[in-house]
Amino acid sequence: MQIDSLPPLREVIATHGLRARKELGQNFLLDLNLTARIARVAGPLEGVTVIEVGPGPGGLTRALLAEGAQRVIAIERDERTLPALAEIAAAYPGRLEVIAGDALETDFAALADGPTRIVSNLPYNIGTELLTRWLTVETWPPFFESLTLMFQREVAERIIAKPSEDAYGRLGVLCGWRTEVRIAFNVGREAFTPPPKVTSSVVHLRPKAVEDGVAVRDLEAVTRAAFGQRRKMVRQSLKSLGVPMEALLAAAGLRGNERAETLPVETFLKLAKARR
């Protein structure tokens, strides 16, 4: 698929010697039809600032620009890719800003400019940490309108998991609390260079209104305690919170013999409020 006048991604990679590095969690997507599909999951992009983490040779970057993003801010720590990204910037004058740096040290809220969305084929080694950071900002609704992110399928299942499902845990509670979330589609390992060992999934998360009175730090403490000993009854697993147990259980409407993996998000919110 030809989406612009730039060379095919395989040619770009060969020209600039961009062998994917395992230590950077890199797996490059070379199919521009696929990157365009990812960009479209984020919705119409006209008038929108898009933040992308780990653009690599720029396949998704090009798709975001071709789909009409007003501005793309790409954060990349691999300096080898900067010449390739500079070529994209030249092809889309004034619409691509490349920040050479570490996403884990980036103030994303400061980059937001008007309607802002985050769209990324995230490096696998930092994907979950970045998602958690974006979903635990103190100010809610947050600085972004939505998140469209690529994860390993196993992580995606944890993100969308519901009570009593094997993948249900702290990440599922957090995402269920603050977002409407869905898996948009799966991506086979053969779509990447080099191919990862597992299937990947594109996940779309949209912030939703949340109940006042629940602090992120309290919910994190409750879920850490509950799922840290997920096979134990909550009467035992929640002892580490240091809160009178009977009052805590009563506030959440629990008997104490339940296990964390069976509790709905609403119950964790009640526990978090009662911990204060």
Protein backbone atom coordinates (compact mmCIF):
# COMPACT_ATOMS: atom_id res chain seq x y z
CA MET A 1 0.00 0.00 0.00
CA GLN A 2 1.36 3.44 -0.96
CA ILE A 3 0.15 6.12 1.45
CA ASP A 4 2.66 8.85 0.56
CA SER A 5 5.64 9.60 -1.69
CA LEU A 6 8.20 8.19 0.75
CA PRO A 7 10.04 4.89 0.10
CA PRO A 8 8.69 1.53 1.34
CA LEU A 9 9.62 0.79 4.94
CA ARG A 10 11.88 -2.13 4.03
CA GLU A 11 13.90 0.26 1.89
CA VAL A 12 14.02 2.82 4.69
CA ILE A 13 15.27 0.21 7.15
CA ALA A 14 17.93 -1.01 4.71
CA THR A 15 19.08 2.50 3.86
CA HIS A 16 19.51 3.52 7.48
CA GLY A 17 20.65 0.17 8.87
CA LEU A 18 17.80 -0.06 11.32
CA ARG A 19 18.06 -3.55 12.73
CA ALA A 20 15.52 -3.88 15.53
CA ARG A 21 17.12 -4.06 18.96
CA LYS A 22 15.76 -6.49 21.52
CA GLU A 23 17.06 -4.43 24.43
CA LEU A 24 14.85 -1.56 23.27
CA GLY A 25 11.79 -3.79 22.92
CA GLN A 26 11.66 -3.07 19.18
CA ASN A 27 9.53 -4.98 16.68
CA PHE A 28 8.96 -2.96 13.52
CA LEU A 29 5.67 -2.98 11.60
CA LEU A 30 6.39 -2.83 7.87
CA ASP A 31 2.87 -3.15 6.44
CA LEU A 32 1.56 0.37 5.80
CA ASN A 33 -1.93 -1.03 5.28
CA LEU A 34 -1.77 -2.34 8.85
CA THR A 35 -0.38 0.87 10.32
CA ALA A 36 -3.16 2.79 8.57
CA ARG A 37 -5.69 0.45 10.17
CA ILE A 38 -4.21 1.17 13.61
CA ALA A 39 -4.39 4.91 12.95
CA ARG A 40 -8.06 4.63 12.00
CA VAL A 41 -8.91 2.94 15.32
CA ALA A 42 -8.08 6.27 16.98
CA GLY A 43 -10.91 7.90 15.02
CA PRO A 44 -10.87 10.98 12.77
CA LEU A 45 -7.59 12.80 13.36
CA GLU A 46 -8.20 16.17 11.71
CA GLY A 47 -7.40 18.92 14.22
CA VAL A 48 -5.88 16.40 16.65
CA THR A 49 -2.40 16.25 18.19
CA VAL A 50 -1.18 12.66 18.34
CA ILE A 51 1.59 11.53 20.68
CA GLU A 52 3.48 8.44 19.54
CA VAL A 53 6.03 6.49 21.58
CA GLY A 54 8.73 4.49 19.83
CA PRO A 55 8.07 5.34 16.17
CA GLY A 56 11.13 3.40 14.95
CA PRO A 57 11.40 3.80 11.16
CA GLY A 58 8.07 5.63 11.13
CA GLY A 59 5.47 3.30 9.68
CA LEU A 60 2.75 4.29 12.11
CA THR A 61 3.96 7.89 12.07
CA ARG A 62 3.38 8.08 8.34
CA ALA A 63 -0.06 6.52 8.70
CA LEU A 64 -1.10 9.02 11.38
CA LEU A 65 -0.02 11.93 9.19
CA ALA A 66 -1.64 10.45 6.09
CA GLU A 67 -4.88 9.98 8.04
CA GLY A 68 -4.92 13.72 8.72
CA ALA A 69 -3.39 14.25 12.17
CA GLN A 70 -2.79 17.97 12.61
CA ARG A 71 0.44 17.27 14.47
CA VAL A 72 2.34 14.17 15.53
CA ILE A 73 4.80 14.29 18.42
CA ALA A 74 7.04 11.22 18.22
CA ILE A 75 9.22 10.26 21.18
CA GLU A 76 12.17 8.07 20.26
CA ARG A 77 15.24 7.08 22.30
CA ASP A 78 16.97 5.20 19.46
CA GLU A 79 19.08 7.86 17.74
CA ARG A 80 19.65 5.57 14.73
CA THR A 81 16.07 6.22 13.63
CA LEU A 82 16.27 10.02 13.69
CA PRO A 83 17.44 10.45 10.06
CA ALA A 84 14.52 8.33 8.82
CA LEU A 85 12.09 10.32 10.93
CA ALA A 86 13.61 13.56 9.64
CA GLU A 87 12.72 12.44 6.11
CA ILE A 88 9.10 12.02 7.19
CA ALA A 89 9.13 15.47 8.80
CA ALA A 90 10.38 16.95 5.53
CA ALA A 91 7.57 15.22 3.61
CA TYR A 92 4.95 16.61 6.02
CA PRO A 93 6.22 20.16 6.73
CA GLY A 94 5.33 21.55 10.15
CA ARG A 95 3.34 18.49 11.21
CA LEU A 96 5.89 16.15 12.80
CA GLU A 97 7.94 16.93 15.89
CA VAL A 98 10.49 14.32 16.95
CA ILE A 99 11.69 14.30 20.55
CA ALA A 100 14.88 12.32 21.06
CA GLY A 101 14.47 10.98 24.57
CA ASP A 102 13.16 8.37 26.95
CA ALA A 103 9.37 8.02 27.18
CA LEU A 104 9.70 7.05 30.84
CA GLU A 105 11.18 10.48 31.54
CA THR A 106 8.69 12.44 29.43
CA ASP A 107 6.03 14.81 30.76
CA PHE A 108 3.25 13.81 28.40
CA ALA A 109 0.69 16.25 29.77
CA ALA A 110 3.02 19.12 28.90
CA LEU A 111 3.02 17.97 25.25
CA ALA A 112 -0.77 18.07 24.94
CA ASP A 113 -1.97 20.81 22.61
CA GLY A 114 -5.71 20.99 22.15
CA PRO A 115 -7.43 17.66 21.45
CA THR A 116 -4.72 15.06 22.09
CA ARG A 117 -4.63 11.30 21.58
CA ILE A 118 -1.89 8.76 22.19
CA VAL A 119 -1.37 6.19 19.44
CA SER A 120 1.60 3.82 19.65
CA ASN A 121 3.04 0.46 18.82
CA LEU A 122 4.57 0.47 22.29
CA PRO A 123 7.95 -1.10 22.97
CA TYR A 124 6.99 -4.31 24.78
CA ASN A 125 9.41 -3.71 27.65
CA ILE A 126 7.75 -0.47 28.81
CA GLY A 127 4.18 -0.78 27.54
CA THR A 128 2.46 -1.77 30.77
CA GLU A 129 4.35 0.81 32.82
CA LEU A 130 3.43 3.62 30.44
CA LEU A 131 -0.23 2.60 30.40
CA THR A 132 -0.33 2.52 34.19
CA ARG A 133 1.23 5.98 34.39
CA TRP A 134 -1.28 7.42 31.92
CA LEU A 135 -4.22 5.92 33.81
CA THR A 136 -3.07 7.00 37.28
CA VAL A 137 -2.68 10.72 36.70
CA GLU A 138 -4.31 12.65 39.54
CA THR A 139 -6.38 14.93 37.30
CA TRP A 140 -9.28 13.11 35.64
CA PRO A 141 -10.50 13.42 32.91
CA PRO A 142 -6.88 13.37 31.75
CA PHE A 143 -4.99 15.33 29.11
CA PHE A 144 -5.74 12.75 26.40
CA GLU A 145 -8.98 11.91 24.62
CA SER A 146 -8.07 8.28 24.01
CA LEU A 147 -5.28 5.70 23.94
CA THR A 148 -4.77 3.39 20.96
CA LEU A 149 -1.95 1.04 21.84
CA MET A 150 -0.31 -2.18 20.70
CA PHE A 151 0.43 -4.81 23.37
CA GLN A 152 1.28 -8.45 23.54
CA ARG A 153 -2.01 -10.36 23.46
CA GLU A 154 -1.45 -11.60 27.02
CA VAL A 155 -1.22 -8.02 28.30
CA ALA A 156 -4.27 -6.98 26.27
CA GLU A 157 -6.29 -9.75 27.91
CA ARG A 158 -5.28 -8.44 31.33
CA ILE A 159 -6.37 -4.94 30.33
CA ILE A 160 -9.90 -6.00 29.32
CA ALA A 161 -10.33 -8.81 31.90
CA LYS A 162 -13.50 -9.10 33.96
CA PRO A 163 -14.03 -10.66 37.42
CA SER A 164 -13.56 -14.45 37.61
CA GLU A 165 -11.49 -14.51 34.41
CA ASP A 166 -7.98 -15.88 34.73
CA ALA A 167 -6.40 -12.65 33.46
CA TYR A 168 -8.29 -10.42 35.93
CA GLY A 169 -6.01 -8.48 38.23
CA ARG A 170 -4.76 -5.03 39.17
CA LEU A 171 -4.51 -3.84 35.57
CA GLY A 172 -8.05 -4.94 34.78
CA VAL A 173 -9.39 -3.10 37.83
CA LEU A 174 -7.56 0.10 36.91
CA CYS A 175 -8.68 0.03 33.29
CA GLY A 176 -12.23 -0.93 34.22
CA TRP A 177 -12.40 1.94 36.70
CA ARG A 178 -11.28 4.77 34.47
CA THR A 179 -11.87 3.72 30.87
CA GLU A 180 -14.13 2.14 28.33
CA VAL A 181 -11.81 -0.42 26.76
CA ARG A 182 -11.87 -2.90 23.90
CA ILE A 183 -9.52 -4.95 21.78
CA ALA A 184 -9.84 -3.53 18.27
CA PHE A 185 -8.06 -6.38 16.49
CA ASN A 186 -5.21 -8.85 16.77
CA VAL A 187 -1.95 -8.74 14.84
CA GLY A 188 -0.07 -11.92 13.95
CA ARG A 189 3.61 -12.25 14.73
CA GLU A 190 4.46 -12.43 11.02
CA ALA A 191 3.52 -8.75 10.63
CA PHE A 192 6.62 -7.67 12.56
CA THR A 193 10.32 -7.55 11.88
CA PRO A 194 11.69 -9.42 13.71
CA PRO A 195 8.62 -11.56 14.51
CA PRO A 196 7.87 -11.65 18.26
CA LYS A 197 7.08 -14.96 19.91
CA VAL A 198 3.43 -14.07 20.52
CA THR A 199 0.37 -12.53 18.91
CA SER A 200 -0.20 -8.82 19.55
CA SER A 201 -3.39 -6.82 20.00
CA VAL A 202 -4.42 -3.23 19.35
CA VAL A 203 -6.31 -1.92 22.37
CA HIS A 204 -8.44 1.23 22.41
CA LEU A 205 -9.13 2.97 25.72
CA ARG A 206 -11.34 6.00 26.19
CA PRO A 207 -11.50 7.84 29.53
CA LYS A 208 -14.86 7.83 31.27
CA ALA A 209 -16.34 9.79 34.14
CA VAL A 210 -15.44 8.30 37.51
CA GLU A 211 -16.89 8.51 40.98
CA ASP A 212 -15.46 11.23 43.20
CA GLY A 213 -13.80 10.32 46.48
CA VAL A 214 -11.54 7.52 45.26
CA ALA A 215 -7.82 8.30 45.37
CA VAL A 216 -5.50 6.52 42.95
CA ARG A 217 -3.02 5.73 45.74
CA ASP A 218 -5.75 4.07 47.82
CA LEU A 219 -6.99 1.92 44.95
CA GLU A 220 -3.42 0.90 44.15
CA ALA A 221 -2.82 -0.08 47.78
CA VAL A 222 -6.01 -2.14 47.93
CA THR A 223 -5.41 -3.99 44.66
CA ARG A 224 -1.75 -4.58 45.51
CA ALA A 225 -2.76 -6.23 48.78
CA ALA A 226 -5.70 -8.16 47.36
CA PHE A 227 -4.01 -9.55 44.26
CA GLY A 228 -0.65 -9.99 45.96
CA GLN A 229 -2.25 -13.03 47.60
CA ARG A 230 -5.02 -13.62 45.10
CA ARG A 231 -5.77 -17.20 46.17
CA LYS A 232 -6.39 -16.19 49.78
CA MET A 233 -9.67 -14.91 51.14
CA VAL A 234 -9.81 -11.12 51.31
CA ARG A 235 -10.01 -11.25 55.11
CA GLN A 236 -6.41 -12.46 54.99
CA SER A 237 -5.05 -10.67 51.92
CA LEU A 238 -6.23 -7.22 53.05
CA LYS A 239 -4.65 -7.40 56.51
CA SER A 240 -1.55 -5.63 55.24
CA LEU A 241 -3.59 -2.43 54.76
CA GLY A 242 -3.55 -1.89 58.52
CA VAL A 243 -7.24 -0.94 58.63
CA PRO A 244 -9.78 -2.45 61.09
CA MET A 245 -10.91 -5.46 59.10
CA GLU A 246 -14.57 -5.70 60.06
CA ALA A 247 -15.19 -2.05 59.24
CA LEU A 248 -13.38 -2.41 55.91
CA LEU A 249 -15.36 -5.49 54.92
CA ALA A 250 -18.65 -3.93 55.99
CA ALA A 251 -18.01 -0.80 53.94
CA ALA A 252 -17.57 -2.95 50.82
CA GLY A 253 -20.42 -5.32 51.61
CA LEU A 254 -18.10 -8.33 51.94
CA ARG A 255 -18.23 -11.37 54.20
CA GLY A 256 -14.48 -11.85 54.09
CA ASN A 257 -14.37 -15.28 52.45
CA GLU A 258 -14.34 -13.87 48.91
CA ARG A 259 -11.21 -13.85 46.77
CA ALA A 260 -9.85 -10.85 44.89
CA GLU A 261 -10.29 -12.42 41.47
CA THR A 262 -14.09 -12.55 41.96
CA LEU A 263 -14.64 -8.96 43.08
CA PRO A 264 -16.05 -6.36 40.65
CA VAL A 265 -14.38 -2.99 40.16
CA GLU A 266 -17.09 -1.29 42.22
CA THR A 267 -16.14 -3.34 45.28
CA PHE A 268 -12.48 -2.32 44.98
CA LEU A 269 -13.59 1.31 44.82
CA LYS A 270 -15.54 0.89 48.07
CA LEU A 271 -12.52 -0.71 49.70
CA ALA A 272 -10.31 2.15 48.52
CA LYS A 273 -12.66 4.76 49.97
CA ALA A 274 -12.95 2.89 53.27
CA ARG A 275 -9.16 2.68 53.61
CA ARG A 276 -8.80 6.46 53.90
